[in-house]
């Protein structure tokens, strides 16, 4: 009797671990989530880095178009993986299934301590700085950053439908802000053709009049690195696969639609940056969106773009609070994290403990003030596991061929749903994406060997933790 009462009390507080997540997110919400994982504050700031390396309009736009093509190749890979394994945890589940649970655990380990913690903390502080620009420095930036992380964690604890709705509203607002910037910038460029800045812009179709040297190609490849960082993030939508209705069909379509829409937004806004500011003007300003807004709207433009950047940062934080905890929930379900993180709230049917874990780690990083340094670790880990995940397609395809051979021998035509969605032009597109991921990792290690070394140390520190968790799971099972 006491055990029964204790179990009910625990379920009331922590939630019932035997209950599953509810599928309450539709195609539109999933698409907004894909876009929300990609579009952050960077598109308003980072294109100047690309312009500093690729000095002509054709090279600048070429970098964003080529980066979009690589992102689309990644989207097709994740679409096939989502169709094959529509499981909570997404990329974590793909790595566990394709290779070994330790590979999935290490991805979740660095996601918790490096990727999500560093990225989310940095964006939270970015939001705080722009909030102070608008409201004044009444509240310290760290307090604002911690407050917004806690607020979004609380929102997510009330259910996936509410959290997805908030995320969709914030994404629509971001699309509207970028759309306004594109339309107003295009109008300004059309009505100010005599502007000195605009006169410097060569025709978009102009190509180099000489053969490209190896050094120029190397510089162009370097320009692709910040572009690929800006396009990253579509994978996080796969973490909530079990909460998407008919996810085997809708999640792949949402990934492709979301990435395609982001490519359109990114290329359009970069056309405006170059058209209004010129390549040299874009390279000289670290805030191109503010420069365009100031040119179009005057002094009011700075306040407007500050609001847009703050809103974009808030949307990214909302998406992170919604997606990453599902991976920790999946890890706890597999016995790779303490069992409390696999519990589901009795009313909202969401992994409350995992959501609070994500918020806690982010707040610790904000409090330490080391988020700038941690961000330099993120690159190596994120793209290392991107490449590994892309290569998992080869593993699943090989298993499928083996299954086909066995079923043919048994005269059984049923291949299941695994082959329902395929990466086009595989293995070429998959190989290009995997090789590009590896090049980004190698280039980052070359440029930042000390930070990359710290990231690798954090990765390897997860190995003994994995075996400790596995041992704890075996002991718990034996005691039962």
Protein backbone atom coordinates (compact mmCIF):
# COMPACT_ATOMS: atom_id res chain seq x y z
CA UNK A 1 0.00 0.00 0.00
CA UNK A 2 2.76 2.41 0.96
CA UNK A 3 4.53 1.67 -2.29
CA UNK A 4 1.35 2.40 -4.26
CA UNK A 5 0.77 5.68 -2.44
CA UNK A 6 4.39 6.66 -2.95
CA UNK A 7 4.19 5.90 -6.66
CA UNK A 8 1.05 8.00 -7.08
CA UNK A 9 2.65 10.88 -5.23
CA UNK A 10 5.74 10.64 -7.37
CA UNK A 11 3.62 10.54 -10.52
CA UNK A 12 1.73 13.60 -9.41
CA UNK A 13 4.95 15.54 -8.91
CA UNK A 14 7.22 14.18 -11.64
CA UNK A 15 4.71 12.74 -14.06
CA UNK A 16 4.10 9.21 -15.24
CA UNK A 17 7.09 7.72 -17.08
CA UNK A 18 4.87 5.15 -18.77
CA UNK A 19 2.91 7.79 -20.68
CA UNK A 20 3.99 8.93 -24.13
CA UNK A 21 4.27 12.40 -25.60
CA UNK A 22 1.19 13.70 -27.39
CA UNK A 23 1.24 14.30 -31.16
CA UNK A 24 -0.20 17.83 -31.27
CA UNK A 25 1.98 19.61 -33.85
CA UNK A 26 0.80 19.86 -37.45
CA UNK A 27 2.64 20.46 -40.72
CA UNK A 28 2.59 24.27 -40.37
CA UNK A 29 3.94 24.17 -36.82
CA UNK A 30 6.65 21.70 -37.86
CA UNK A 31 7.68 23.93 -40.78
CA UNK A 32 7.87 26.98 -38.52
CA UNK A 33 10.00 24.92 -36.14
CA UNK A 34 12.43 24.00 -38.93
CA UNK A 35 12.75 27.65 -39.92
CA UNK A 36 12.99 28.72 -36.29
CA UNK A 37 15.97 26.45 -35.74
CA UNK A 38 17.81 28.11 -38.64
CA UNK A 39 16.86 31.80 -38.60
CA UNK A 40 18.45 33.55 -35.64
CA UNK A 41 19.99 36.98 -35.19
CA UNK A 42 22.95 36.10 -37.44
CA UNK A 43 21.27 36.96 -40.75
CA UNK A 44 20.92 40.55 -39.53
CA UNK A 45 24.62 40.76 -38.65
CA UNK A 46 26.91 38.08 -40.14
CA UNK A 47 26.78 38.66 -43.95
CA UNK A 48 29.50 41.29 -43.68
CA UNK A 49 31.98 38.47 -42.89
CA UNK A 50 31.10 36.82 -46.19
CA UNK A 51 31.51 40.14 -48.03
CA UNK A 52 34.96 40.64 -46.51
CA UNK A 53 36.09 37.41 -48.15
CA UNK A 54 33.99 37.32 -51.34
CA UNK A 55 34.40 40.85 -52.67
CA UNK A 56 32.09 40.84 -55.72
CA UNK A 57 28.28 40.60 -55.90
CA UNK A 58 28.44 37.37 -57.92
CA UNK A 59 30.80 35.77 -55.37
CA UNK A 60 28.77 36.97 -52.37
CA UNK A 61 25.48 35.74 -53.77
CA UNK A 62 27.17 32.61 -55.11
CA UNK A 63 28.29 31.75 -51.58
CA UNK A 64 24.75 32.10 -50.22
CA UNK A 65 23.22 30.13 -53.11
CA UNK A 66 25.82 27.35 -52.85
CA UNK A 67 25.41 27.29 -49.07
CA UNK A 68 21.66 26.98 -49.58
CA UNK A 69 22.19 24.07 -51.98
CA UNK A 70 24.34 22.29 -49.38
CA UNK A 71 21.72 22.99 -46.71
CA UNK A 72 19.05 21.55 -49.02
CA UNK A 73 21.21 18.44 -49.49
CA UNK A 74 21.31 18.14 -45.71
CA UNK A 75 17.55 18.66 -45.56
CA UNK A 76 17.00 15.75 -47.97
CA UNK A 77 19.23 13.55 -45.79
CA UNK A 78 17.32 14.43 -42.64
CA UNK A 79 14.03 13.98 -44.51
CA UNK A 80 14.91 10.38 -45.35
CA UNK A 81 16.10 9.76 -41.80
CA UNK A 82 12.89 11.26 -40.39
CA UNK A 83 10.83 8.97 -42.63
CA UNK A 84 12.84 5.93 -41.58
CA UNK A 85 12.92 6.66 -37.82
CA UNK A 86 10.20 9.09 -36.70
CA UNK A 87 11.36 8.82 -33.10
CA UNK A 88 11.67 11.37 -30.32
CA UNK A 89 15.25 12.60 -30.08
CA UNK A 90 15.72 12.67 -33.86
CA UNK A 91 19.42 12.89 -34.63
CA UNK A 92 20.27 11.12 -31.37
CA UNK A 93 18.06 8.18 -32.40
CA UNK A 94 19.60 8.04 -35.90
CA UNK A 95 23.15 7.84 -34.48
CA UNK A 96 22.18 5.18 -31.93
CA UNK A 97 20.47 3.05 -34.56
CA UNK A 98 23.10 3.43 -37.28
CA UNK A 99 26.26 3.00 -35.21
CA UNK A 100 26.06 2.32 -31.46
CA UNK A 101 24.25 3.87 -28.47
CA UNK A 102 27.54 5.42 -27.32
CA UNK A 103 27.64 7.59 -30.47
CA UNK A 104 24.13 8.87 -29.79
CA UNK A 105 24.99 9.44 -26.13
CA UNK A 106 28.09 11.47 -27.02
CA UNK A 107 26.02 13.63 -29.35
CA UNK A 108 23.48 14.23 -26.59
CA UNK A 109 26.32 14.84 -24.12
CA UNK A 110 27.97 17.59 -26.20
CA UNK A 111 24.54 18.97 -27.14
CA UNK A 112 23.69 19.48 -23.48
CA UNK A 113 27.08 20.85 -22.37
CA UNK A 114 28.31 22.61 -25.51
CA UNK A 115 26.00 22.96 -28.51
CA UNK A 116 22.70 23.95 -26.91
CA UNK A 117 24.25 25.48 -23.78
CA UNK A 118 26.72 27.71 -25.63
CA UNK A 119 24.42 28.65 -28.48
CA UNK A 120 21.38 29.30 -26.33
CA UNK A 121 23.35 31.30 -23.75
CA UNK A 122 24.94 33.49 -26.41
CA UNK A 123 21.62 34.19 -28.11
CA UNK A 124 19.98 34.92 -24.74
CA UNK A 125 22.66 37.53 -24.01
CA UNK A 126 22.25 38.94 -27.55
CA UNK A 127 18.55 39.34 -26.82
CA UNK A 128 19.37 41.04 -23.52
CA UNK A 129 21.68 43.58 -25.17
CA UNK A 130 19.10 44.56 -27.77
CA UNK A 131 16.39 44.64 -25.13
CA UNK A 132 18.52 47.14 -23.22
CA UNK A 133 18.93 49.23 -26.37
CA UNK A 134 15.15 49.48 -26.60
CA UNK A 135 14.15 49.69 -22.93
CA UNK A 136 17.29 51.20 -21.44
CA UNK A 137 19.88 49.58 -19.11
CA UNK A 138 17.49 49.42 -16.16
CA UNK A 139 17.98 45.68 -15.70
CA UNK A 140 21.44 44.05 -16.03
CA UNK A 141 21.93 42.09 -19.25
CA UNK A 142 22.60 38.79 -17.47
CA UNK A 143 19.39 39.18 -15.46
CA UNK A 144 17.40 39.78 -18.65
CA UNK A 145 19.03 36.76 -20.32
CA UNK A 146 18.30 34.46 -17.37
CA UNK A 147 14.77 35.80 -17.12
CA UNK A 148 13.92 35.08 -20.77
CA UNK A 149 15.36 31.54 -20.50
CA UNK A 150 13.20 30.85 -17.45
CA UNK A 151 10.12 32.41 -19.07
CA UNK A 152 10.38 30.24 -22.17
CA UNK A 153 11.04 27.14 -20.04
CA UNK A 154 7.82 27.83 -18.12
CA UNK A 155 5.89 28.32 -21.38
CA UNK A 156 7.16 24.97 -22.66
CA UNK A 157 6.13 23.24 -19.42
CA UNK A 158 2.49 24.09 -20.21
CA UNK A 159 2.38 21.87 -23.28
CA UNK A 160 3.75 21.40 -26.77
CA UNK A 161 0.71 23.00 -28.41
CA UNK A 162 1.23 26.29 -26.57
CA UNK A 163 5.01 26.18 -27.09
CA UNK A 164 4.61 25.40 -30.80
CA UNK A 165 2.06 28.20 -31.15
CA UNK A 166 4.42 30.72 -29.53
CA UNK A 167 7.25 29.51 -31.77
CA UNK A 168 5.07 29.84 -34.90
CA UNK A 169 4.01 33.40 -33.99
CA UNK A 170 7.63 34.43 -33.40
CA UNK A 171 8.71 32.83 -36.69
CA UNK A 172 5.97 34.62 -38.62
CA UNK A 173 7.10 37.89 -37.04
CA UNK A 174 10.69 37.17 -38.14
CA UNK A 175 9.55 36.40 -41.68
CA UNK A 176 7.62 39.68 -41.70
CA UNK A 177 10.67 41.62 -40.44
CA UNK A 178 12.96 40.13 -43.10
CA UNK A 179 10.26 40.60 -45.74
CA UNK A 180 9.86 44.27 -44.81
CA UNK A 181 13.63 44.73 -45.02
CA UNK A 182 13.71 43.12 -48.48
CA UNK A 183 10.73 45.04 -49.89
CA UNK A 184 11.77 48.41 -48.47
CA UNK A 185 15.38 47.85 -49.52
CA UNK A 186 14.31 46.93 -53.07
CA UNK A 187 12.16 50.08 -53.25
CA UNK A 188 15.06 52.19 -51.98
CA UNK A 189 17.48 50.66 -54.50
CA UNK A 190 15.05 51.22 -57.38
CA UNK A 191 14.42 54.87 -56.46
CA UNK A 192 18.05 55.81 -55.69
CA UNK A 193 19.93 54.53 -58.72
CA UNK A 194 22.31 57.49 -58.64
CA UNK A 195 23.52 56.72 -55.14
CA UNK A 196 27.33 56.40 -55.03
CA UNK A 197 27.03 53.16 -53.10
CA UNK A 198 24.78 51.66 -55.75
CA UNK A 199 27.02 52.70 -58.62
CA UNK A 200 29.76 50.39 -57.37
CA UNK A 201 27.61 47.29 -57.85
CA UNK A 202 28.51 45.25 -60.91
CA UNK A 203 25.80 43.30 -62.82
CA UNK A 204 24.65 40.21 -60.93
CA UNK A 205 25.41 37.94 -63.85
CA UNK A 206 29.01 39.18 -64.17
CA UNK A 207 31.56 36.41 -63.72
CA UNK A 208 35.32 36.75 -63.14
CA UNK A 209 37.12 37.71 -66.37
CA UNK A 210 40.14 35.56 -65.46
CA UNK A 211 40.72 31.99 -64.38
CA UNK A 212 40.32 31.59 -60.64
CA UNK A 213 43.52 30.87 -58.77
CA UNK A 214 43.83 28.31 -55.99
CA UNK A 215 44.10 31.08 -53.39
CA UNK A 216 40.89 32.70 -54.65
CA UNK A 217 39.06 29.38 -54.48
CA UNK A 218 40.39 28.94 -50.95
CA UNK A 219 39.06 32.36 -49.97
CA UNK A 220 35.65 31.52 -51.47
CA UNK A 221 35.58 28.27 -49.49
CA UNK A 222 36.39 30.27 -46.36
CA UNK A 223 33.42 32.53 -47.16
CA UNK A 224 31.20 29.45 -47.18
CA UNK A 225 31.95 28.71 -43.51
CA UNK A 226 29.88 31.59 -41.99
CA UNK A 227 27.23 30.88 -44.63
CA UNK A 228 26.92 27.24 -43.54
CA UNK A 229 26.75 28.31 -39.90
CA UNK A 230 23.83 30.58 -40.78
CA UNK A 231 22.02 27.72 -42.55
CA UNK A 232 22.48 25.20 -39.71
CA UNK A 233 19.71 24.21 -37.33
CA UNK A 234 17.14 22.26 -39.39
CA UNK A 235 18.06 19.05 -37.51
CA UNK A 236 16.48 20.21 -34.24
CA UNK A 237 12.96 19.77 -35.61
CA UNK A 238 13.56 16.00 -35.70
CA UNK A 239 13.84 15.95 -31.90
CA UNK A 240 10.06 16.28 -31.52
CA UNK A 241 9.14 13.67 -34.16
CA UNK A 242 6.73 11.83 -31.84
CA UNK A 243 4.81 15.05 -31.19
CA UNK A 244 4.17 15.74 -34.90
CA UNK A 245 0.97 14.28 -36.31
CA UNK A 246 1.69 11.73 -39.06
CA UNK A 247 5.37 12.54 -38.62
CA UNK A 248 6.65 9.88 -41.03
CA UNK A 249 5.02 11.84 -43.88
CA UNK A 250 4.80 15.41 -42.57
CA UNK A 251 8.19 15.88 -40.91
CA UNK A 252 10.24 15.21 -44.09
CA UNK A 253 8.04 17.66 -46.02
CA UNK A 254 8.34 20.22 -43.23
CA UNK A 255 12.14 19.94 -43.23
CA UNK A 256 12.33 20.47 -47.00
CA UNK A 257 9.75 23.28 -47.04
CA UNK A 258 11.39 25.05 -44.10
CA UNK A 259 14.91 24.92 -45.54
CA UNK A 260 13.65 26.04 -48.99
CA UNK A 261 11.87 29.05 -47.44
CA UNK A 262 14.99 29.99 -45.45
CA UNK A 263 17.11 29.84 -48.63
CA UNK A 264 14.66 32.23 -50.30
CA UNK A 265 14.80 34.62 -47.31
CA UNK A 266 18.59 34.52 -47.01
CA UNK A 267 19.34 35.02 -50.71
CA UNK A 268 16.76 37.81 -51.00
CA UNK A 269 18.04 39.77 -48.02
CA UNK A 270 21.66 39.43 -49.19
CA UNK A 271 20.69 40.78 -52.61
CA UNK A 272 19.32 43.83 -50.77
CA UNK A 273 22.44 44.17 -48.61
CA UNK A 274 24.70 44.26 -51.66
CA UNK A 275 22.33 46.35 -53.79
CA UNK A 276 21.91 49.07 -51.16
CA UNK A 277 25.35 49.06 -49.52
CA UNK A 278 27.57 47.75 -52.31
CA UNK A 279 30.09 44.95 -51.72
CA UNK A 280 32.63 47.26 -50.04
CA UNK A 281 29.96 48.96 -47.94
CA UNK A 282 28.66 45.58 -46.80
CA UNK A 283 32.19 44.46 -45.89
CA UNK A 284 32.78 47.61 -43.83
CA UNK A 285 29.75 47.35 -41.54
CA UNK A 286 29.22 44.67 -38.92
CA UNK A 287 25.50 45.54 -38.80
CA UNK A 288 24.30 45.44 -42.42
CA UNK A 289 20.62 45.17 -41.53
CA UNK A 290 20.88 48.30 -39.39
CA UNK A 291 22.72 50.11 -42.19
CA UNK A 292 20.01 49.24 -44.73
CA UNK A 293 17.22 50.16 -42.30
CA UNK A 294 18.94 53.46 -41.52
CA UNK A 295 19.28 54.24 -45.24
CA UNK A 296 15.61 53.44 -45.91
CA UNK A 297 13.89 54.71 -42.76
CA UNK A 298 16.41 57.19 -41.35
CA UNK A 299 16.95 57.34 -37.58
CA UNK A 300 13.89 55.21 -36.92
CA UNK A 301 15.52 52.33 -38.79
CA UNK A 302 18.02 51.62 -36.01
CA UNK A 303 15.26 51.15 -33.41
CA UNK A 304 13.21 49.05 -35.81
CA UNK A 305 16.08 46.69 -36.64
CA UNK A 306 16.99 46.40 -32.95
CA UNK A 307 13.43 45.19 -32.34
CA UNK A 308 13.69 42.73 -35.23
CA UNK A 309 16.98 41.28 -33.94
CA UNK A 310 15.61 40.98 -30.40
CA UNK A 311 12.51 39.24 -31.79
CA UNK A 312 14.62 36.89 -33.89
CA UNK A 313 16.78 35.99 -30.89
CA UNK A 314 13.64 35.36 -28.83
CA UNK A 315 12.27 33.06 -31.51
CA UNK A 316 15.49 31.05 -31.61
CA UNK A 317 15.42 30.68 -27.83
CA UNK A 318 11.82 29.52 -27.98
CA UNK A 319 12.69 26.88 -30.56
CA UNK A 320 15.67 25.66 -28.51
CA UNK A 321 13.55 25.37 -25.35
CA UNK A 322 11.04 23.29 -27.31
CA UNK A 323 13.33 20.89 -29.18
CA UNK A 324 16.53 20.04 -27.28
CA UNK A 325 14.82 18.73 -24.10
CA UNK A 326 13.15 16.01 -26.19
CA UNK A 327 16.58 14.55 -26.90
CA UNK A 328 17.43 14.40 -23.19
CA UNK A 329 14.02 12.79 -22.60
CA UNK A 330 14.87 10.13 -25.21
CA UNK A 331 18.28 9.55 -23.63
CA UNK A 332 16.69 9.09 -20.21
CA UNK A 333 14.19 6.65 -21.71
CA UNK A 334 17.17 4.62 -22.95
CA UNK A 335 18.78 4.70 -19.52
CA UNK A 336 21.56 7.09 -20.61
CA UNK A 337 20.44 9.89 -18.28
CA UNK A 338 18.84 9.70 -14.81
CA UNK A 339 15.30 8.36 -14.98
CA UNK A 340 13.68 11.57 -13.73
CA UNK A 341 14.36 13.17 -17.12
CA UNK A 342 12.14 10.58 -18.81
CA UNK A 343 9.11 11.65 -16.80
CA UNK A 344 6.17 13.42 -18.42
CA UNK A 345 3.99 16.03 -16.74
CA UNK A 346 0.56 14.57 -15.87
CA UNK A 347 -1.41 17.45 -17.41
CA UNK A 348 0.72 19.05 -20.12
CA UNK A 349 2.21 15.71 -21.30
CA UNK A 350 5.67 17.22 -21.86
CA UNK A 351 9.10 16.27 -20.38
CA UNK A 352 9.13 18.92 -17.66
CA UNK A 353 12.32 17.71 -15.95
CA UNK A 354 14.24 17.68 -19.26
CA UNK A 355 12.99 21.20 -20.06
CA UNK A 356 14.18 22.42 -16.66
CA UNK A 357 17.54 20.65 -17.17
CA UNK A 358 18.07 22.56 -20.42
CA UNK A 359 17.19 25.85 -18.71
CA UNK A 360 19.46 25.14 -15.73
CA UNK A 361 22.55 24.38 -17.84
CA UNK A 362 21.94 27.47 -20.00
CA UNK A 363 21.59 29.68 -16.92
CA UNK A 364 24.84 28.28 -15.49
CA UNK A 365 26.68 29.19 -18.70
CA UNK A 366 25.15 32.68 -18.69
CA UNK A 367 26.19 33.12 -15.07
CA UNK A 368 29.75 32.02 -15.78
CA UNK A 369 29.95 34.49 -18.63
CA UNK A 370 31.96 32.08 -20.77
CA UNK A 371 29.46 31.76 -23.62
CA UNK A 372 31.70 33.51 -26.21
CA UNK A 373 34.42 30.92 -25.67
CA UNK A 374 31.95 28.02 -25.63
CA UNK A 375 30.53 29.18 -28.96
CA UNK A 376 33.88 28.50 -30.61
CA UNK A 377 33.60 24.90 -29.34
CA UNK A 378 30.15 24.48 -30.87
CA UNK A 379 31.34 24.49 -34.47
CA UNK A 380 33.57 21.42 -34.20
CA UNK A 381 31.01 19.29 -32.38
CA UNK A 382 27.97 20.32 -34.41
CA UNK A 383 29.52 19.64 -37.81
CA UNK A 384 31.33 16.50 -36.66
CA UNK A 385 27.98 14.92 -35.83
CA UNK A 386 26.37 16.39 -38.97
CA UNK A 387 28.88 14.41 -41.01
CA UNK A 388 28.35 11.24 -38.97
CA UNK A 389 24.58 11.56 -39.28
CA UNK A 390 24.81 12.03 -43.05
CA UNK A 391 26.96 8.89 -43.32
CA UNK A 392 24.25 6.94 -41.46
CA UNK A 393 22.28 6.98 -44.73
CA UNK A 394 24.89 4.58 -46.17
CA UNK A 395 24.41 2.30 -43.16
CA UNK A 396 20.60 2.26 -43.44
CA UNK A 397 20.69 1.78 -47.21
CA UNK A 398 23.07 -1.18 -46.83
CA UNK A 399 20.77 -2.76 -44.24
CA UNK A 400 17.82 -2.17 -46.54
CA UNK A 401 19.57 -3.91 -49.44
CA UNK A 402 20.34 -6.85 -47.17
CA UNK A 403 16.70 -6.97 -46.08
CA UNK A 404 15.59 -6.83 -49.70
CA UNK A 405 17.84 -9.76 -50.58
CA UNK A 406 16.53 -11.81 -47.67
CA UNK A 407 12.89 -11.00 -48.43
CA UNK A 408 13.35 -11.74 -52.11
CA UNK A 409 14.78 -15.12 -51.19
CA UNK A 410 11.74 -15.67 -48.98
CA UNK A 411 9.40 -14.38 -51.74
CA UNK A 412 8.19 -11.53 -49.49
CA UNK A 413 7.60 -8.22 -51.35
CA UNK A 414 6.92 -6.08 -48.26
CA UNK A 415 9.75 -3.57 -47.66
CA UNK A 416 7.95 -1.50 -45.05
CA UNK A 417 7.94 2.30 -44.80
CA UNK A 418 11.73 2.72 -44.63
CA UNK A 419 12.04 3.22 -48.39
CA UNK A 420 9.12 5.65 -48.67
CA UNK A 421 11.41 8.73 -48.82
CA UNK A 422 14.75 8.79 -50.60
CA UNK A 423 17.64 11.26 -50.87
CA UNK A 424 17.80 12.31 -54.54
CA UNK A 425 21.11 11.75 -56.37
CA UNK A 426 22.43 9.61 -53.53
CA UNK A 427 25.30 8.79 -52.98
CA UNK A 428 26.67 11.96 -54.59
CA UNK A 429 24.63 14.51 -52.64
CA UNK A 430 25.13 12.64 -49.37
CA UNK A 431 28.88 12.37 -49.96
CA UNK A 432 29.22 16.08 -50.80
CA UNK A 433 27.39 17.05 -47.62
CA UNK A 434 29.45 14.68 -45.47
CA UNK A 435 32.75 15.86 -47.01
CA UNK A 436 31.72 19.51 -46.55
CA UNK A 437 30.97 18.82 -42.89
CA UNK A 438 34.41 17.28 -42.49
CA UNK A 439 36.08 20.26 -44.17
CA UNK A 440 34.33 22.66 -41.80
CA UNK A 441 35.53 20.61 -38.81
CA UNK A 442 39.12 20.43 -40.09
CA UNK A 443 39.19 24.15 -40.94
CA UNK A 444 37.89 25.06 -37.47
CA UNK A 445 40.47 22.84 -35.76
CA UNK A 446 43.18 24.47 -37.90
CA UNK A 447 42.06 28.01 -37.06
CA UNK A 448 41.20 27.45 -33.37
CA UNK A 449 43.31 24.48 -32.16
CA UNK A 450 43.04 25.35 -28.45
CA UNK A 451 39.25 25.72 -28.42
CA UNK A 452 38.85 22.65 -30.62
CA UNK A 453 41.02 20.73 -28.16
CA UNK A 454 38.73 21.72 -25.29
CA UNK A 455 35.70 20.58 -27.31
CA UNK A 456 37.33 17.22 -28.00
CA UNK A 457 38.16 16.83 -24.30
CA UNK A 458 34.50 17.48 -23.39
CA UNK A 459 33.51 14.88 -26.00
CA UNK A 460 35.86 12.22 -24.62
CA UNK A 461 34.80 13.00 -21.06
CA UNK A 462 31.41 11.63 -22.06
CA UNK A 463 32.81 8.13 -22.66
CA UNK A 464 33.28 7.15 -18.97
CA UNK A 465 29.93 8.81 -18.21
CA UNK A 466 28.29 6.56 -20.80
CA UNK A 467 29.66 3.40 -19.17
CA UNK A 468 28.69 4.65 -15.71
CA UNK A 469 25.11 5.22 -16.87
CA UNK A 470 24.99 1.80 -18.55
CA UNK A 471 26.31 0.17 -15.38
CA UNK A 472 23.72 2.02 -13.30
CA UNK A 473 20.98 0.84 -15.66
CA UNK A 474 22.11 -2.79 -15.35
CA UNK A 475 22.22 -2.57 -11.54
CA UNK A 476 18.73 -1.05 -11.45
CA UNK A 477 17.36 -3.78 -13.70
CA UNK A 478 19.00 -6.48 -11.54
CA UNK A 479 17.53 -5.00 -8.34
CA UNK A 480 14.07 -5.15 -9.86
